[in-house]
């Protein structure tokens, strides 16, 4: 899926990500708009979920293999997105330099 392909595709990718991470909805929204790799993962997730939804239309000979392939892809994307969400929550604290006089 290409970014900006259509307004509905764009929203579908965001909605799919929000549905997958409902507890972090606002963070998902922020990452979607400011983090290109995360945005791409959202689009890939939406495409894989859509492919899974239409898997029954495939020939029986390849259906199960494709189902497993897309299920594995969804699982991997969700894991990677979860890691990206967790990383974005990390706050680096820096120590202030000492303000008192230096000892000799």
PDB file of N, CA and C in Angstrom:
ATOM      1  N   UNK A   1       0.835  -1.169   0.000  1.00  0.00           N
ATOM      2  CA  UNK A   1       0.000   0.000   0.000  1.00  0.00           C
ATOM      3  C   UNK A   1       0.885   1.239   0.000  1.00  0.00           C
ATOM      4  N   UNK A   2       0.534   2.201  -0.750  1.00  0.00           N
ATOM      5  CA  UNK A   2       1.325   3.413  -0.858  1.00  0.00           C
ATOM      6  C   UNK A   2       0.656   4.519  -0.060  1.00  0.00           C
ATOM      7  N   UNK A   3       1.467   5.305   0.654  1.00  0.00           N
ATOM      8  CA  UNK A   3       0.924   6.426   1.429  1.00  0.00           C
ATOM      9  C   UNK A   3       0.163   7.361   0.511  1.00  0.00           C
ATOM     10  N   UNK A   4      -0.974   7.828   0.995  1.00  0.00           N
ATOM     11  CA  UNK A   4      -1.731   8.806   0.238  1.00  0.00           C
ATOM     12  C   UNK A   4      -2.451   8.215  -0.960  1.00  0.00           C
ATOM     13  N   UNK A   5      -2.511   6.885  -1.072  1.00  0.00           N
ATOM     14  CA  UNK A   5      -3.157   6.237  -2.199  1.00  0.00           C
ATOM     15  C   UNK A   5      -4.600   6.719  -2.319  1.00  0.00           C
ATOM     16  N   UNK A   6      -5.272   6.814  -1.188  1.00  0.00           N
ATOM     17  CA  UNK A   6      -6.605   7.400  -1.136  1.00  0.00           C
ATOM     18  C   UNK A   6      -6.905   7.746   0.305  1.00  0.00           C
ATOM     19  N   UNK A   7      -7.847   8.645   0.508  1.00  0.00           N
ATOM     20  CA  UNK A   7      -8.196   9.028   1.861  1.00  0.00           C
ATOM     21  C   UNK A   7      -8.681   7.855   2.679  1.00  0.00           C
ATOM     22  N   UNK A   8      -9.477   6.976   2.078  1.00  0.00           N
ATOM     23  CA  UNK A   8     -10.015   5.847   2.832  1.00  0.00           C
ATOM     24  C   UNK A   8      -8.914   4.847   3.176  1.00  0.00           C
ATOM     25  N   UNK A   9      -7.952   4.658   2.294  1.00  0.00           N
ATOM     26  CA  UNK A   9      -6.831   3.763   2.582  1.00  0.00           C
ATOM     27  C   UNK A   9      -6.024   4.312   3.737  1.00  0.00           C
ATOM     28  N   UNK A  10      -5.803   5.614   3.723  1.00  0.00           N
ATOM     29  CA  UNK A  10      -5.045   6.282   4.772  1.00  0.00           C
ATOM     30  C   UNK A  10      -5.731   6.076   6.116  1.00  0.00           C
ATOM     31  N   UNK A  11      -7.025   6.333   6.181  1.00  0.00           N
ATOM     32  CA  UNK A  11      -7.769   6.165   7.423  1.00  0.00           C
ATOM     33  C   UNK A  11      -7.878   4.700   7.823  1.00  0.00           C
ATOM     34  N   UNK A  12      -8.016   3.825   6.852  1.00  0.00           N
ATOM     35  CA  UNK A  12      -8.115   2.406   7.153  1.00  0.00           C
ATOM     36  C   UNK A  12      -6.855   1.917   7.856  1.00  0.00           C
ATOM     37  N   UNK A  13      -5.693   2.375   7.421  1.00  0.00           N
ATOM     38  CA  UNK A  13      -4.436   1.975   8.056  1.00  0.00           C
ATOM     39  C   UNK A  13      -4.389   2.468   9.495  1.00  0.00           C
ATOM     40  N   UNK A  14      -4.794   3.710   9.729  1.00  0.00           N
ATOM     41  CA  UNK A  14      -4.812   4.253  11.085  1.00  0.00           C
ATOM     42  C   UNK A  14      -5.845   3.518  11.941  1.00  0.00           C
ATOM     43  N   UNK A  15      -7.023   3.297  11.411  1.00  0.00           N
ATOM     44  CA  UNK A  15      -8.068   2.613  12.162  1.00  0.00           C
ATOM     45  C   UNK A  15      -7.665   1.187  12.520  1.00  0.00           C
ATOM     46  N   UNK A  16      -6.999   0.504  11.611  1.00  0.00           N
ATOM     47  CA  UNK A  16      -6.537  -0.857  11.884  1.00  0.00           C
ATOM     48  C   UNK A  16      -5.540  -0.848  13.036  1.00  0.00           C
ATOM     49  N   UNK A  17      -4.630   0.104  13.024  1.00  0.00           N
ATOM     50  CA  UNK A  17      -3.641   0.212  14.102  1.00  0.00           C
ATOM     51  C   UNK A  17      -4.315   0.568  15.424  1.00  0.00           C
ATOM     52  N   UNK A  18      -5.253   1.497  15.390  1.00  0.00           N
ATOM     53  CA  UNK A  18      -5.965   1.882  16.615  1.00  0.00           C
ATOM     54  C   UNK A  18      -6.732   0.701  17.200  1.00  0.00           C
ATOM     55  N   UNK A  19      -7.334  -0.095  16.337  1.00  0.00           N
ATOM     56  CA  UNK A  19      -8.081  -1.266  16.784  1.00  0.00           C
ATOM     57  C   UNK A  19      -7.152  -2.302  17.406  1.00  0.00           C
ATOM     58  N   UNK A  20      -5.952  -2.396  16.872  1.00  0.00           N
ATOM     59  CA  UNK A  20      -4.981  -3.372  17.367  1.00  0.00           C
ATOM     60  C   UNK A  20      -4.372  -2.955  18.698  1.00  0.00           C
ATOM     61  N   UNK A  21      -4.324  -1.654  18.953  1.00  0.00           N
ATOM     62  CA  UNK A  21      -3.729  -1.119  20.182  1.00  0.00           C
ATOM     63  C   UNK A  21      -4.679  -0.104  20.828  1.00  0.00           C
ATOM     64  N   UNK A  22      -5.864  -0.557  21.252  1.00  0.00           N
ATOM     65  CA  UNK A  22      -6.855   0.392  21.764  1.00  0.00           C
ATOM     66  C   UNK A  22      -6.408   1.142  23.017  1.00  0.00           C
ATOM     67  N   UNK A  23      -5.566   0.540  23.828  1.00  0.00           N
ATOM     68  CA  UNK A  23      -5.100   1.184  25.055  1.00  0.00           C
ATOM     69  C   UNK A  23      -4.123   2.335  24.764  1.00  0.00           C
ATOM     70  N   UNK A  24      -3.513   2.311  23.583  1.00  0.00           N
ATOM     71  CA  UNK A  24      -2.537   3.339  23.210  1.00  0.00           C
ATOM     72  C   UNK A  24      -3.008   4.145  21.994  1.00  0.00           C
ATOM     73  N   UNK A  25      -4.298   4.319  21.867  1.00  0.00           N
ATOM     74  CA  UNK A  25      -4.874   4.944  20.679  1.00  0.00           C
ATOM     75  C   UNK A  25      -4.235   6.300  20.353  1.00  0.00           C
ATOM     76  N   UNK A  26      -4.088   7.157  21.347  1.00  0.00           N
ATOM     77  CA  UNK A  26      -3.543   8.495  21.075  1.00  0.00           C
ATOM     78  C   UNK A  26      -2.072   8.422  20.676  1.00  0.00           C
ATOM     79  N   UNK A  27      -1.333   7.537  21.281  1.00  0.00           N
ATOM     80  CA  UNK A  27       0.073   7.364  20.921  1.00  0.00           C
ATOM     81  C   UNK A  27       0.189   6.788  19.512  1.00  0.00           C
ATOM     82  N   UNK A  28      -0.671   5.849  19.174  1.00  0.00           N
ATOM     83  CA  UNK A  28      -0.696   5.284  17.820  1.00  0.00           C
ATOM     84  C   UNK A  28      -0.969   6.393  16.811  1.00  0.00           C
ATOM     85  N   UNK A  29      -1.903   7.267  17.108  1.00  0.00           N
ATOM     86  CA  UNK A  29      -2.216   8.379  16.206  1.00  0.00           C
ATOM     87  C   UNK A  29      -0.995   9.280  16.005  1.00  0.00           C
ATOM     88  N   UNK A  30      -0.335   9.605  17.111  1.00  0.00           N
ATOM     89  CA  UNK A  30       0.836  10.478  17.014  1.00  0.00           C
ATOM     90  C   UNK A  30       1.934   9.817  16.181  1.00  0.00           C
ATOM     91  N   UNK A  31       2.222   8.558  16.463  1.00  0.00           N
ATOM     92  CA  UNK A  31       3.260   7.850  15.716  1.00  0.00           C
ATOM     93  C   UNK A  31       2.890   7.728  14.245  1.00  0.00           C
ATOM     94  N   UNK A  32       1.630   7.491  13.966  1.00  0.00           N
ATOM     95  CA  UNK A  32       1.157   7.348  12.588  1.00  0.00           C
ATOM     96  C   UNK A  32       1.490   8.601  11.772  1.00  0.00           C
ATOM     97  N   UNK A  33       1.307   9.757  12.385  1.00  0.00           N
ATOM     98  CA  UNK A  33       1.502  11.007  11.652  1.00  0.00           C
ATOM     99  C   UNK A  33       2.943  11.518  11.652  1.00  0.00           C
ATOM    100  N   UNK A  34       3.759  11.111  12.614  1.00  0.00           N
ATOM    101  CA  UNK A  34       5.111  11.684  12.693  1.00  0.00           C
ATOM    102  C   UNK A  34       6.239  10.680  12.465  1.00  0.00           C
ATOM    103  N   UNK A  35       5.932   9.398  12.427  1.00  0.00           N
ATOM    104  CA  UNK A  35       6.968   8.384  12.319  1.00  0.00           C
ATOM    105  C   UNK A  35       6.721   7.553  11.057  1.00  0.00           C
ATOM    106  N   UNK A  36       7.499   7.813  10.022  1.00  0.00           N
ATOM    107  CA  UNK A  36       7.287   7.157   8.722  1.00  0.00           C
ATOM    108  C   UNK A  36       7.391   5.628   8.800  1.00  0.00           C
ATOM    109  N   UNK A  37       8.382   5.069   9.506  1.00  0.00           N
ATOM    110  CA  UNK A  37       8.414   3.592   9.602  1.00  0.00           C
ATOM    111  C   UNK A  37       7.159   3.027  10.274  1.00  0.00           C
ATOM    112  N   UNK A  38       6.674   3.696  11.311  1.00  0.00           N
ATOM    113  CA  UNK A  38       5.451   3.237  11.984  1.00  0.00           C
ATOM    114  C   UNK A  38       4.260   3.360  11.041  1.00  0.00           C
ATOM    115  N   UNK A  39       4.197   4.454  10.323  1.00  0.00           N
ATOM    116  CA  UNK A  39       3.127   4.677   9.346  1.00  0.00           C
ATOM    117  C   UNK A  39       3.119   3.539   8.317  1.00  0.00           C
ATOM    118  N   UNK A  40       4.284   3.175   7.831  1.00  0.00           N
ATOM    119  CA  UNK A  40       4.388   2.085   6.855  1.00  0.00           C
ATOM    120  C   UNK A  40       3.932   0.757   7.453  1.00  0.00           C
ATOM    121  N   UNK A  41       4.282   0.528   8.716  1.00  0.00           N
ATOM    122  CA  UNK A  41       3.830  -0.699   9.374  1.00  0.00           C
ATOM    123  C   UNK A  41       2.304  -0.727   9.462  1.00  0.00           C
ATOM    124  N   UNK A  42       1.698   0.422   9.740  1.00  0.00           N
ATOM    125  CA  UNK A  42       0.236   0.503   9.812  1.00  0.00           C
ATOM    126  C   UNK A  42      -0.383   0.157   8.457  1.00  0.00           C
ATOM    127  N   UNK A  43       0.192   0.684   7.392  1.00  0.00           N
ATOM    128  CA  UNK A  43      -0.317   0.399   6.060  1.00  0.00           C
ATOM    129  C   UNK A  43      -0.157  -1.084   5.723  1.00  0.00           C
ATOM    130  N   UNK A  44       0.993  -1.648   6.077  1.00  0.00           N
ATOM    131  CA  UNK A  44       1.218  -3.073   5.831  1.00  0.00           C
ATOM    132  C   UNK A  44       0.246  -3.928   6.630  1.00  0.00           C
ATOM    133  N   UNK A  45      -0.007  -3.538   7.872  1.00  0.00           N
ATOM    134  CA  UNK A  45      -0.952  -4.261   8.718  1.00  0.00           C
ATOM    135  C   UNK A  45      -2.354  -4.230   8.108  1.00  0.00           C
ATOM    136  N   UNK A  46      -2.777  -3.068   7.648  1.00  0.00           N
ATOM    137  CA  UNK A  46      -4.108  -2.949   7.037  1.00  0.00           C
ATOM    138  C   UNK A  46      -4.198  -3.810   5.780  1.00  0.00           C
ATOM    139  N   UNK A  47      -3.150  -3.824   4.971  1.00  0.00           N
ATOM    140  CA  UNK A  47      -3.151  -4.630   3.747  1.00  0.00           C
ATOM    141  C   UNK A  47      -3.203  -6.120   4.075  1.00  0.00           C
ATOM    142  N   UNK A  48      -2.428  -6.545   5.067  1.00  0.00           N
ATOM    143  CA  UNK A  48      -2.424  -7.958   5.458  1.00  0.00           C
ATOM    144  C   UNK A  48      -3.771  -8.365   6.042  1.00  0.00           C
ATOM    145  N   UNK A  49      -4.360  -7.487   6.859  1.00  0.00           N
ATOM    146  CA  UNK A  49      -5.675  -7.780   7.445  1.00  0.00           C
ATOM    147  C   UNK A  49      -6.737  -7.865   6.348  1.00  0.00           C
ATOM    148  N   UNK A  50      -6.638  -7.004   5.366  1.00  0.00           N
ATOM    149  CA  UNK A  50      -7.592  -7.033   4.257  1.00  0.00           C
ATOM    150  C   UNK A  50      -7.419  -8.318   3.443  1.00  0.00           C
ATOM    151  N   UNK A  51      -6.172  -8.711   3.216  1.00  0.00           N
ATOM    152  CA  UNK A  51      -5.923  -9.960   2.490  1.00  0.00           C
ATOM    153  C   UNK A  51      -6.494 -11.150   3.251  1.00  0.00           C
ATOM    154  N   UNK A  52      -6.323 -11.150   4.569  1.00  0.00           N
ATOM    155  CA  UNK A  52      -6.889 -12.236   5.388  1.00  0.00           C
ATOM    156  C   UNK A  52      -8.413 -12.266   5.300  1.00  0.00           C
ATOM    157  N   UNK A  53      -9.020 -11.096   5.261  1.00  0.00           N
ATOM    158  CA  UNK A  53     -10.478 -11.019   5.192  1.00  0.00           C
ATOM    159  C   UNK A  53     -11.020 -11.585   3.880  1.00  0.00           C
ATOM    160  N   UNK A  54     -10.184 -11.588   2.848  1.00  0.00           N
ATOM    161  CA  UNK A  54     -10.621 -12.069   1.534  1.00  0.00           C
ATOM    162  C   UNK A  54      -9.984 -13.399   1.158  1.00  0.00           C
ATOM    163  N   UNK A  55      -9.430 -14.091   2.120  1.00  0.00           N
ATOM    164  CA  UNK A  55      -8.683 -15.326   1.866  1.00  0.00           C
ATOM    165  C   UNK A  55      -9.578 -16.427   1.284  1.00  0.00           C
ATOM    166  N   UNK A  56     -10.848 -16.419   1.645  1.00  0.00           N
ATOM    167  CA  UNK A  56     -11.758 -17.468   1.165  1.00  0.00           C
ATOM    168  C   UNK A  56     -11.962 -17.404  -0.345  1.00  0.00           C
ATOM    169  N   UNK A  57     -11.669 -16.283  -0.951  1.00  0.00           N
ATOM    170  CA  UNK A  57     -11.814 -16.141  -2.394  1.00  0.00           C
ATOM    171  C   UNK A  57     -10.679 -16.773  -3.182  1.00  0.00           C
ATOM    172  N   UNK A  58      -9.635 -17.204  -2.501  1.00  0.00           N
ATOM    173  CA  UNK A  58      -8.492 -17.829  -3.181  1.00  0.00           C
ATOM    174  C   UNK A  58      -8.789 -19.286  -3.507  1.00  0.00           C
ATOM    175  N   UNK A  59      -8.094 -19.813  -4.496  1.00  0.00           N
ATOM    176  CA  UNK A  59      -8.256 -21.236  -4.800  1.00  0.00           C
ATOM    177  C   UNK A  59      -7.887 -22.087  -3.585  1.00  0.00           C
ATOM    178  N   UNK A  60      -8.608 -23.160  -3.395  1.00  0.00           N
ATOM    179  CA  UNK A  60      -8.410 -24.022  -2.233  1.00  0.00           C
ATOM    180  C   UNK A  60      -6.974 -24.526  -2.122  1.00  0.00           C
ATOM    181  N   UNK A  61      -6.323 -24.730  -3.244  1.00  0.00           N
ATOM    182  CA  UNK A  61      -4.964 -25.280  -3.256  1.00  0.00           C
ATOM    183  C   UNK A  61      -3.954 -24.362  -2.559  1.00  0.00           C
ATOM    184  N   UNK A  62      -4.201 -23.063  -2.551  1.00  0.00           N
ATOM    185  CA  UNK A  62      -3.247 -22.120  -1.945  1.00  0.00           C
ATOM    186  C   UNK A  62      -3.797 -21.410  -0.715  1.00  0.00           C
ATOM    187  N   UNK A  63      -5.068 -21.636  -0.430  1.00  0.00           N
ATOM    188  CA  UNK A  63      -5.747 -20.889   0.643  1.00  0.00           C
ATOM    189  C   UNK A  63      -5.053 -21.014   2.000  1.00  0.00           C
ATOM    190  N   UNK A  64      -4.792 -22.212   2.456  1.00  0.00           N
ATOM    191  CA  UNK A  64      -4.203 -22.394   3.789  1.00  0.00           C
ATOM    192  C   UNK A  64      -2.788 -21.839   3.871  1.00  0.00           C
ATOM    193  N   UNK A  65      -2.010 -22.012   2.810  1.00  0.00           N
ATOM    194  CA  UNK A  65      -0.648 -21.469   2.807  1.00  0.00           C
ATOM    195  C   UNK A  65      -0.689 -19.946   2.903  1.00  0.00           C
ATOM    196  N   UNK A  66      -1.587 -19.323   2.170  1.00  0.00           N
ATOM    197  CA  UNK A  66      -1.708 -17.857   2.212  1.00  0.00           C
ATOM    198  C   UNK A  66      -2.250 -17.396   3.562  1.00  0.00           C
ATOM    199  N   UNK A  67      -3.200 -18.157   4.109  1.00  0.00           N
ATOM    200  CA  UNK A  67      -3.745 -17.802   5.419  1.00  0.00           C
ATOM    201  C   UNK A  67      -2.616 -17.785   6.454  1.00  0.00           C
ATOM    202  N   UNK A  68      -1.777 -18.813   6.440  1.00  0.00           N
ATOM    203  CA  UNK A  68      -0.659 -18.894   7.388  1.00  0.00           C
ATOM    204  C   UNK A  68       0.337 -17.764   7.148  1.00  0.00           C
ATOM    205  N   UNK A  69       0.622 -17.500   5.882  1.00  0.00           N
ATOM    206  CA  UNK A  69       1.561 -16.436   5.524  1.00  0.00           C
ATOM    207  C   UNK A  69       1.085 -15.072   6.035  1.00  0.00           C
ATOM    208  N   UNK A  70      -0.173 -14.755   5.784  1.00  0.00           N
ATOM    209  CA  UNK A  70      -0.699 -13.454   6.218  1.00  0.00           C
ATOM    210  C   UNK A  70      -0.887 -13.387   7.725  1.00  0.00           C
ATOM    211  N   UNK A  71      -1.246 -14.500   8.345  1.00  0.00           N
ATOM    212  CA  UNK A  71      -1.365 -14.529   9.805  1.00  0.00           C
ATOM    213  C   UNK A  71      -0.003 -14.275  10.441  1.00  0.00           C
ATOM    214  N   UNK A  72       1.035 -14.913   9.901  1.00  0.00           N
ATOM    215  CA  UNK A  72       2.398 -14.693  10.411  1.00  0.00           C
ATOM    216  C   UNK A  72       2.827 -13.243  10.199  1.00  0.00           C
ATOM    217  N   UNK A  73       2.476 -12.682   9.054  1.00  0.00           N
ATOM    218  CA  UNK A  73       2.820 -11.290   8.767  1.00  0.00           C
ATOM    219  C   UNK A  73       2.130 -10.349   9.739  1.00  0.00           C
ATOM    220  N   UNK A  74       0.853 -10.568   9.991  1.00  0.00           N
ATOM    221  CA  UNK A  74       0.107  -9.737  10.950  1.00  0.00           C
ATOM    222  C   UNK A  74       0.745  -9.838  12.332  1.00  0.00           C
ATOM    223  N   UNK A  75       1.056 -11.057  12.758  1.00  0.00           N
ATOM    224  CA  UNK A  75       1.677 -11.245  14.075  1.00  0.00           C
ATOM    225  C   UNK A  75       3.010 -10.513  14.176  1.00  0.00           C
ATOM    226  N   UNK A  76       3.834 -10.623  13.134  1.00  0.00           N
ATOM    227  CA  UNK A  76       5.143  -9.952  13.139  1.00  0.00           C
ATOM    228  C   UNK A  76       4.988  -8.436  13.158  1.00  0.00           C
ATOM    229  N   UNK A  77       4.049  -7.919  12.384  1.00  0.00           N
ATOM    230  CA  UNK A  77       3.810  -6.476  12.364  1.00  0.00           C
ATOM    231  C   UNK A  77       3.304  -5.981  13.714  1.00  0.00           C
ATOM    232  N   UNK A  78       2.391  -6.711  14.315  1.00  0.00           N
ATOM    233  CA  UNK A  78       1.876  -6.306  15.629  1.00  0.00           C
ATOM    234  C   UNK A  78       2.988  -6.297  16.667  1.00  0.00           C
ATOM    235  N   UNK A  79       3.867  -7.268  16.601  1.00  0.00           N
ATOM    236  CA  UNK A  79       4.988  -7.309  17.537  1.00  0.00           C
ATOM    237  C   UNK A  79       5.911  -6.108  17.312  1.00  0.00           C
ATOM    238  N   UNK A  80       6.247  -5.845  16.059  1.00  0.00           N
ATOM    239  CA  UNK A  80       7.131  -4.721  15.737  1.00  0.00           C
ATOM    240  C   UNK A  80       6.496  -3.384  16.112  1.00  0.00           C
ATOM    241  N   UNK A  81       5.208  -3.254  15.859  1.00  0.00           N
ATOM    242  CA  UNK A  81       4.510  -2.023  16.218  1.00  0.00           C
ATOM    243  C   UNK A  81       4.450  -1.860  17.729  1.00  0.00           C
ATOM    244  N   UNK A  82       4.216  -2.944  18.443  1.00  0.00           N
ATOM    245  CA  UNK A  82       4.207  -2.897  19.902  1.00  0.00           C
ATOM    246  C   UNK A  82       5.550  -2.446  20.451  1.00  0.00           C
ATOM    247  N   UNK A  83       6.625  -2.936  19.834  1.00  0.00           N
ATOM    248  CA  UNK A  83       7.964  -2.508  20.253  1.00  0.00           C
ATOM    249  C   UNK A  83       8.178  -1.028  19.963  1.00  0.00           C
ATOM    250  N   UNK A  84       7.709  -0.559  18.817  1.00  0.00           N
ATOM    251  CA  UNK A  84       7.841   0.864  18.471  1.00  0.00           C
ATOM    252  C   UNK A  84       7.053   1.732  19.452  1.00  0.00           C
ATOM    253  N   UNK A  85       5.873   1.275  19.836  1.00  0.00           N
ATOM    254  CA  UNK A  85       5.066   2.014  20.813  1.00  0.00           C
ATOM    255  C   UNK A  85       5.785   2.059  22.153  1.00  0.00           C
ATOM    256  N   UNK A  86       6.306   0.921  22.580  1.00  0.00           N
ATOM    257  CA  UNK A  86       7.023   0.865  23.859  1.00  0.00           C
ATOM    258  C   UNK A  86       8.256   1.771  23.828  1.00  0.00           C
ATOM    259  N   UNK A  87       8.989   1.763  22.729  1.00  0.00           N
ATOM    260  CA  UNK A  87      10.180   2.613  22.609  1.00  0.00           C
ATOM    261  C   UNK A  87       9.821   4.095  22.654  1.00  0.00           C
ATOM    262  N   UNK A  88       8.681   4.437  22.107  1.00  0.00           N
ATOM    263  CA  UNK A  88       8.303   5.850  22.067  1.00  0.00           C
ATOM    264  C   UNK A  88       7.906   6.368  23.442  1.00  0.00           C
ATOM    265  N   UNK A  89       7.650   5.457  24.376  1.00  0.00           N
ATOM    266  CA  UNK A  89       7.269   5.854  25.736  1.00  0.00           C
ATOM    267  C   UNK A  89       8.486   6.085  26.628  1.00  0.00           C
ATOM    268  N   UNK A  90       9.657   5.715  26.157  1.00  0.00           N
ATOM    269  CA  UNK A  90      10.865   5.862  26.970  1.00  0.00           C
ATOM    270  C   UNK A  90      11.249   7.331  27.050  1.00  0.00           C
ATOM    271  N   UNK A  91      11.461   7.793  28.252  1.00  0.00           N
ATOM    272  CA  UNK A  91      11.867   9.175  28.481  1.00  0.00           C
ATOM    273  C   UNK A  91      13.291   9.145  29.024  1.00  0.00           C
ATOM    274  N   UNK A  92      14.173   9.874  28.366  1.00  0.00           N
ATOM    275  CA  UNK A  92      15.556   9.928  28.818  1.00  0.00           C
ATOM    276  C   UNK A  92      15.691  11.069  29.813  1.00  0.00           C
ATOM    277  N   UNK A  93      16.102  10.742  31.015  1.00  0.00           N
ATOM    278  CA  UNK A  93      16.314  11.750  32.039  1.00  0.00           C
ATOM    279  C   UNK A  93      17.796  12.075  32.094  1.00  0.00           C
ATOM    280  N   UNK A  94      18.106  13.327  32.127  1.00  0.00           N
ATOM    281  CA  UNK A  94      19.498  13.753  32.198  1.00  0.00           C
ATOM    282  C   UNK A  94      19.743  14.452  33.514  1.00  0.00           C
ATOM    283  N   UNK A  95      20.898  14.191  34.044  1.00  0.00           N
ATOM    284  CA  UNK A  95      21.253  14.857  35.299  1.00  0.00           C
ATOM    285  C   UNK A  95      21.659  16.286  35.026  1.00  0.00           C
ATOM    286  N   UNK A  96      21.288  17.127  35.944  1.00  0.00           N
ATOM    287  CA  UNK A  96      21.733  18.527  35.861  1.00  0.00           C
ATOM    288  C   UNK A  96      23.177  18.574  36.341  1.00  0.00           C
ATOM    289  N   UNK A  97      23.967  19.446  35.730  1.00  0.00           N
ATOM    290  CA  UNK A  97      25.339  19.566  36.214  1.00  0.00           C
ATOM    291  C   UNK A  97      25.342  20.095  37.653  1.00  0.00           C
ATOM    292  N   UNK A  98      26.309  19.700  38.435  1.00  0.00           N
ATOM    293  CA  UNK A  98      26.372  20.210  39.826  1.00  0.00           C
ATOM    294  C   UNK A  98      26.449  21.723  39.819  1.00  0.00           C
ATOM    295  N   UNK A  99      25.757  22.340  40.764  1.00  0.00           N
ATOM    296  CA  UNK A  99      25.724  23.797  40.805  1.00  0.00           C
ATOM    297  C   UNK A  99      26.606  24.370  41.900  1.00  0.00           C
ATOM    298  N   UNK A 100      27.059  23.553  42.802  1.00  0.00           N
ATOM    299  CA  UNK A 100      27.883  24.051  43.899  1.00  0.00           C
ATOM    300  C   UNK A 100      29.332  24.253  43.483  1.00  0.00           C
ATOM    301  N   UNK A 101      30.136  24.828  44.395  1.00  0.00           N
ATOM    302  CA  UNK A 101      31.544  25.047  44.067  1.00  0.00           C
ATOM    303  C   UNK A 101      32.266  23.696  43.953  1.00  0.00           C
ATOM    304  N   UNK A 102      33.271  23.663  43.094  1.00  0.00           N
ATOM    305  CA  UNK A 102      34.067  22.451  42.921  1.00  0.00           C
ATOM    306  C   UNK A 102      35.005  22.281  44.100  1.00  0.00           C
ATOM    307  N   UNK A 103      35.167  21.058  44.491  1.00  0.00           N
ATOM    308  CA  UNK A 103      36.106  20.815  45.581  1.00  0.00           C
ATOM    309  C   UNK A 103      37.518  20.710  45.007  1.00  0.00           C
ATOM    310  N   UNK A 104      38.520  21.138  45.802  1.00  0.00           N
ATOM    311  CA  UNK A 104      39.899  21.159  45.287  1.00  0.00           C
ATOM    312  C   UNK A 104      40.475  19.818  45.049  1.00  0.00           C
TER     313      UNK A 104
END
